[in-house]
Every structure is written in structure tokens, then in C-alpha cells.
Amino acid sequence: MPRRGAVRFNLPMVVPPDIDGLPPAELRQLLLKLLEENAELKRQNAELREEIARL
């Protein structure tokens, strides 16, 4: 039973791929995808920080 006032997150869990068996080309593709996602999250974070600063 959750504690009163506790914050709970119900986020979907994605099972990571078994990267040990991936060929180098697929590893590079995965790396590029993750770098793009990271850049987008950093951009969104910066926008949110700017919005918070304005408020």
C-alpha cells in the first residue's frame, strides 16, 4: 500500500535489446537513434527551464 502523499510513477518499461549479438552496423544505428533522442530531450529540457524561468 502506498504511503500517504507518496508520488508514484507508472511508466512503461521497454525491454532493452540484446546488444551483445548485434552486428556493428546495427549498433551504430542504435547509437545514432539514442543520440538523436538524447538531443531532443535536452532541447525539451532547455525549453522547459526557460519557461519556468519566465514564470
PDB file of N, CA and C in Angstrom:
ATOM      1  N   MET A   1       0.851  -1.179   0.000  1.00  0.00           N
ATOM      2  CA  MET A   1       0.000   0.000   0.000  1.00  0.00           C
ATOM      3  C   MET A   1       0.894   1.239   0.000  1.00  0.00           C
ATOM      4  N   PRO A   2       0.641   2.177  -0.922  1.00  0.00           N
ATOM      5  CA  PRO A   2       1.472   3.379  -0.979  1.00  0.00           C
ATOM      6  C   PRO A   2       1.286   4.250   0.246  1.00  0.00           C
ATOM      7  N   ARG A   3       2.360   4.906   0.634  1.00  0.00           N
ATOM      8  CA  ARG A   3       2.281   5.851   1.749  1.00  0.00           C
ATOM      9  C   ARG A   3       1.457   7.049   1.333  1.00  0.00           C
ATOM     10  N   ARG A   4       0.833   7.650   2.302  1.00  0.00           N
ATOM     11  CA  ARG A   4       0.048   8.853   2.041  1.00  0.00           C
ATOM     12  C   ARG A   4       0.981   9.960   1.575  1.00  0.00           C
ATOM     13  N   GLY A   5       0.637  10.582   0.449  1.00  0.00           N
ATOM     14  CA  GLY A   5       1.451  11.657  -0.082  1.00  0.00           C
ATOM     15  C   GLY A   5       2.611  11.190  -0.945  1.00  0.00           C
ATOM     16  N   ALA A   6       2.767   9.880  -1.085  1.00  0.00           N
ATOM     17  CA  ALA A   6       3.872   9.370  -1.904  1.00  0.00           C
ATOM     18  C   ALA A   6       3.564   9.579  -3.380  1.00  0.00           C
ATOM     19  N   VAL A   7       4.589   9.868  -4.133  1.00  0.00           N
ATOM     20  CA  VAL A   7       4.447  10.040  -5.578  1.00  0.00           C
ATOM     21  C   VAL A   7       4.810   8.726  -6.241  1.00  0.00           C
ATOM     22  N   ARG A   8       3.928   8.267  -7.119  1.00  0.00           N
ATOM     23  CA  ARG A   8       4.195   7.007  -7.820  1.00  0.00           C
ATOM     24  C   ARG A   8       4.152   7.265  -9.311  1.00  0.00           C
ATOM     25  N   PHE A   9       5.046   6.627 -10.011  1.00  0.00           N
ATOM     26  CA  PHE A   9       5.088   6.737 -11.458  1.00  0.00           C
ATOM     27  C   PHE A   9       4.807   5.371 -12.046  1.00  0.00           C
ATOM     28  N   ASN A  10       3.919   5.334 -13.016  1.00  0.00           N
ATOM     29  CA  ASN A  10       3.613   4.089 -13.700  1.00  0.00           C
ATOM     30  C   ASN A  10       4.077   4.248 -15.146  1.00  0.00           C
ATOM     31  N   LEU A  11       5.381   4.115 -15.354  1.00  0.00           N
ATOM     32  CA  LEU A  11       5.953   4.306 -16.675  1.00  0.00           C
ATOM     33  C   LEU A  11       6.100   2.960 -17.371  1.00  0.00           C
ATOM     34  N   PRO A  12       5.828   2.930 -18.663  1.00  0.00           N
ATOM     35  CA  PRO A  12       6.015   1.666 -19.382  1.00  0.00           C
ATOM     36  C   PRO A  12       7.494   1.310 -19.438  1.00  0.00           C
ATOM     37  N   MET A  13       7.791   0.059 -19.202  1.00  0.00           N
ATOM     38  CA  MET A  13       9.171  -0.404 -19.245  1.00  0.00           C
ATOM     39  C   MET A  13       9.430  -1.049 -20.594  1.00  0.00           C
ATOM     40  N   VAL A  14      10.488  -0.622 -21.241  1.00  0.00           N
ATOM     41  CA  VAL A  14      10.878  -1.197 -22.517  1.00  0.00           C
ATOM     42  C   VAL A  14      12.037  -2.139 -22.260  1.00  0.00           C
ATOM     43  N   VAL A  15      11.891  -3.365 -22.711  1.00  0.00           N
ATOM     44  CA  VAL A  15      12.962  -4.334 -22.539  1.00  0.00           C
ATOM     45  C   VAL A  15      14.080  -3.977 -23.517  1.00  0.00           C
ATOM     46  N   PRO A  16      15.289  -3.743 -23.005  1.00  0.00           N
ATOM     47  CA  PRO A  16      16.375  -3.378 -23.911  1.00  0.00           C
ATOM     48  C   PRO A  16      16.743  -4.542 -24.817  1.00  0.00           C
ATOM     49  N   PRO A  17      17.176  -4.217 -26.031  1.00  0.00           N
ATOM     50  CA  PRO A  17      17.578  -5.296 -26.932  1.00  0.00           C
ATOM     51  C   PRO A  17      18.860  -5.946 -26.429  1.00  0.00           C
ATOM     52  N   ASP A  18      19.074  -7.178 -26.843  1.00  0.00           N
ATOM     53  CA  ASP A  18      20.311  -7.871 -26.504  1.00  0.00           C
ATOM     54  C   ASP A  18      21.390  -7.338 -27.436  1.00  0.00           C
ATOM     55  N   ILE A  19      22.108  -6.316 -26.983  1.00  0.00           N
ATOM     56  CA  ILE A  19      23.057  -5.649 -27.872  1.00  0.00           C
ATOM     57  C   ILE A  19      24.329  -6.460 -28.086  1.00  0.00           C
ATOM     58  N   ASP A  20      24.576  -7.447 -27.252  1.00  0.00           N
ATOM     59  CA  ASP A  20      25.786  -8.252 -27.417  1.00  0.00           C
ATOM     60  C   ASP A  20      25.810  -8.983 -28.753  1.00  0.00           C
ATOM     61  N   GLY A  21      24.634  -9.345 -29.261  1.00  0.00           N
ATOM     62  CA  GLY A  21      24.580 -10.100 -30.502  1.00  0.00           C
ATOM     63  C   GLY A  21      24.382  -9.254 -31.744  1.00  0.00           C
ATOM     64  N   LEU A  22      24.302  -7.937 -31.589  1.00  0.00           N
ATOM     65  CA  LEU A  22      24.057  -7.078 -32.745  1.00  0.00           C
ATOM     66  C   LEU A  22      25.335  -6.863 -33.553  1.00  0.00           C
ATOM     67  N   PRO A  23      25.199  -6.864 -34.860  1.00  0.00           N
ATOM     68  CA  PRO A  23      26.364  -6.558 -35.695  1.00  0.00           C
ATOM     69  C   PRO A  23      26.713  -5.071 -35.582  1.00  0.00           C
ATOM     70  N   PRO A  24      27.951  -4.708 -35.927  1.00  0.00           N
ATOM     71  CA  PRO A  24      28.391  -3.308 -35.784  1.00  0.00           C
ATOM     72  C   PRO A  24      27.477  -2.293 -36.471  1.00  0.00           C
ATOM     73  N   ALA A  25      26.948  -2.617 -37.640  1.00  0.00           N
ATOM     74  CA  ALA A  25      26.079  -1.662 -38.346  1.00  0.00           C
ATOM     75  C   ALA A  25      24.821  -1.372 -37.535  1.00  0.00           C
ATOM     76  N   GLU A  26      24.235  -2.396 -36.928  1.00  0.00           N
ATOM     77  CA  GLU A  26      23.030  -2.185 -36.115  1.00  0.00           C
ATOM     78  C   GLU A  26      23.364  -1.450 -34.824  1.00  0.00           C
ATOM     79  N   LEU A  27      24.544  -1.705 -34.265  1.00  0.00           N
ATOM     80  CA  LEU A  27      24.962  -0.970 -33.068  1.00  0.00           C
ATOM     81  C   LEU A  27      25.105   0.516 -33.377  1.00  0.00           C
ATOM     82  N   ARG A  28      25.696   0.839 -34.523  1.00  0.00           N
ATOM     83  CA  ARG A  28      25.828   2.246 -34.923  1.00  0.00           C
ATOM     84  C   ARG A  28      24.458   2.884 -35.116  1.00  0.00           C
ATOM     85  N   GLN A  29      23.542   2.134 -35.733  1.00  0.00           N
ATOM     86  CA  GLN A  29      22.189   2.646 -35.959  1.00  0.00           C
ATOM     87  C   GLN A  29      21.497   2.913 -34.620  1.00  0.00           C
ATOM     88  N   LEU A  30      21.641   1.992 -33.689  1.00  0.00           N
ATOM     89  CA  LEU A  30      21.055   2.163 -32.358  1.00  0.00           C
ATOM     90  C   LEU A  30      21.685   3.362 -31.650  1.00  0.00           C
ATOM     91  N   LEU A  31      22.995   3.492 -31.757  1.00  0.00           N
ATOM     92  CA  LEU A  31      23.685   4.615 -31.135  1.00  0.00           C
ATOM     93  C   LEU A  31      23.187   5.940 -31.692  1.00  0.00           C
ATOM     94  N   LEU A  32      23.050   6.032 -33.007  1.00  0.00           N
ATOM     95  CA  LEU A  32      22.563   7.271 -33.615  1.00  0.00           C
ATOM     96  C   LEU A  32      21.148   7.596 -33.155  1.00  0.00           C
ATOM     97  N   LYS A  33      20.307   6.581 -33.071  1.00  0.00           N
ATOM     98  CA  LYS A  33      18.930   6.790 -32.605  1.00  0.00           C
ATOM     99  C   LYS A  33      18.930   7.323 -31.170  1.00  0.00           C
ATOM    100  N   LEU A  34      19.751   6.722 -30.321  1.00  0.00           N
ATOM    101  CA  LEU A  34      19.799   7.153 -28.924  1.00  0.00           C
ATOM    102  C   LEU A  34      20.377   8.559 -28.789  1.00  0.00           C
ATOM    103  N   LEU A  35      21.375   8.886 -29.612  1.00  0.00           N
ATOM    104  CA  LEU A  35      21.931  10.240 -29.584  1.00  0.00           C
ATOM    105  C   LEU A  35      20.895  11.265 -30.030  1.00  0.00           C
ATOM    106  N   GLU A  36      20.103  10.925 -31.045  1.00  0.00           N
ATOM    107  CA  GLU A  36      19.042  11.829 -31.501  1.00  0.00           C
ATOM    108  C   GLU A  36      17.993  12.026 -30.416  1.00  0.00           C
ATOM    109  N   GLU A  37      17.589  10.928 -29.768  1.00  0.00           N
ATOM    110  CA  GLU A  37      16.597  11.026 -28.695  1.00  0.00           C
ATOM    111  C   GLU A  37      17.141  11.870 -27.549  1.00  0.00           C
ATOM    112  N   ASN A  38      18.413  11.678 -27.211  1.00  0.00           N
ATOM    113  CA  ASN A  38      19.029  12.440 -26.134  1.00  0.00           C
ATOM    114  C   ASN A  38      19.067  13.929 -26.470  1.00  0.00           C
ATOM    115  N   ALA A  39      19.424  14.254 -27.699  1.00  0.00           N
ATOM    116  CA  ALA A  39      19.461  15.658 -28.121  1.00  0.00           C
ATOM    117  C   ALA A  39      18.071  16.285 -28.035  1.00  0.00           C
ATOM    118  N   GLU A  40      17.046  15.547 -28.452  1.00  0.00           N
ATOM    119  CA  GLU A  40      15.676  16.061 -28.387  1.00  0.00           C
ATOM    120  C   GLU A  40      15.248  16.286 -26.936  1.00  0.00           C
ATOM    121  N   LEU A  41      15.584  15.359 -26.054  1.00  0.00           N
ATOM    122  CA  LEU A  41      15.231  15.520 -24.643  1.00  0.00           C
ATOM    123  C   LEU A  41      15.960  16.716 -24.027  1.00  0.00           C
ATOM    124  N   LYS A  42      17.217  16.913 -24.401  1.00  0.00           N
ATOM    125  CA  LYS A  42      17.954  18.084 -23.904  1.00  0.00           C
ATOM    126  C   LYS A  42      17.315  19.375 -24.400  1.00  0.00           C
ATOM    127  N   ARG A  43      16.875  19.387 -25.666  1.00  0.00           N
ATOM    128  CA  ARG A  43      16.218  20.570 -26.224  1.00  0.00           C
ATOM    129  C   ARG A  43      14.930  20.863 -25.462  1.00  0.00           C
ATOM    130  N   GLN A  44      14.128  19.820 -25.229  1.00  0.00           N
ATOM    131  CA  GLN A  44      12.875  19.999 -24.493  1.00  0.00           C
ATOM    132  C   GLN A  44      13.147  20.480 -23.073  1.00  0.00           C
ATOM    133  N   ASN A  45      14.174  19.935 -22.449  1.00  0.00           N
ATOM    134  CA  ASN A  45      14.530  20.332 -21.093  1.00  0.00           C
ATOM    135  C   ASN A  45      14.897  21.808 -21.051  1.00  0.00           C
ATOM    136  N   ALA A  46      15.675  22.261 -22.032  1.00  0.00           N
ATOM    137  CA  ALA A  46      16.065  23.676 -22.083  1.00  0.00           C
ATOM    138  C   ALA A  46      14.837  24.563 -22.256  1.00  0.00           C
ATOM    139  N   GLU A  47      13.907  24.152 -23.115  1.00  0.00           N
ATOM    140  CA  GLU A  47      12.677  24.929 -23.299  1.00  0.00           C
ATOM    141  C   GLU A  47      11.886  25.017 -22.002  1.00  0.00           C
ATOM    142  N   LEU A  48      11.783  23.910 -21.299  1.00  0.00           N
ATOM    143  CA  LEU A  48      11.039  23.909 -20.039  1.00  0.00           C
ATOM    144  C   LEU A  48      11.722  24.779 -18.991  1.00  0.00           C
ATOM    145  N   ARG A  49      13.043  24.734 -18.947  1.00  0.00           N
ATOM    146  CA  ARG A  49      13.771  25.591 -17.999  1.00  0.00           C
ATOM    147  C   ARG A  49      13.519  27.068 -18.303  1.00  0.00           C
ATOM    148  N   GLU A  50      13.524  27.418 -19.592  1.00  0.00           N
ATOM    149  CA  GLU A  50      13.253  28.805 -19.976  1.00  0.00           C
ATOM    150  C   GLU A  50      11.839  29.210 -19.578  1.00  0.00           C
ATOM    151  N   GLU A  51      10.893  28.315 -19.791  1.00  0.00           N
ATOM    152  CA  GLU A  51       9.505  28.613 -19.424  1.00  0.00           C
ATOM    153  C   GLU A  51       9.368  28.785 -17.918  1.00  0.00           C
ATOM    154  N   ILE A  52      10.013  27.918 -17.169  1.00  0.00           N
ATOM    155  CA  ILE A  52       9.964  28.021 -15.709  1.00  0.00           C
ATOM    156  C   ILE A  52      10.590  29.333 -15.251  1.00  0.00           C
ATOM    157  N   ALA A  53      11.688  29.723 -15.878  1.00  0.00           N
ATOM    158  CA  ALA A  53      12.351  30.982 -15.506  1.00  0.00           C
ATOM    159  C   ALA A  53      11.433  32.175 -15.771  1.00  0.00           C
ATOM    160  N   ARG A  54      10.660  32.105 -16.859  1.00  0.00           N
ATOM    161  CA  ARG A  54       9.724  33.201 -17.162  1.00  0.00           C
ATOM    162  C   ARG A  54       8.605  33.268 -16.134  1.00  0.00           C
ATOM    163  N   LEU A  55       8.196  32.128 -15.624  1.00  0.00           N
ATOM    164  CA  LEU A  55       7.099  32.105 -14.661  1.00  0.00           C
ATOM    165  C   LEU A  55       7.597  32.580 -13.312  1.00  0.00           C
TER     166      LEU A  55
END
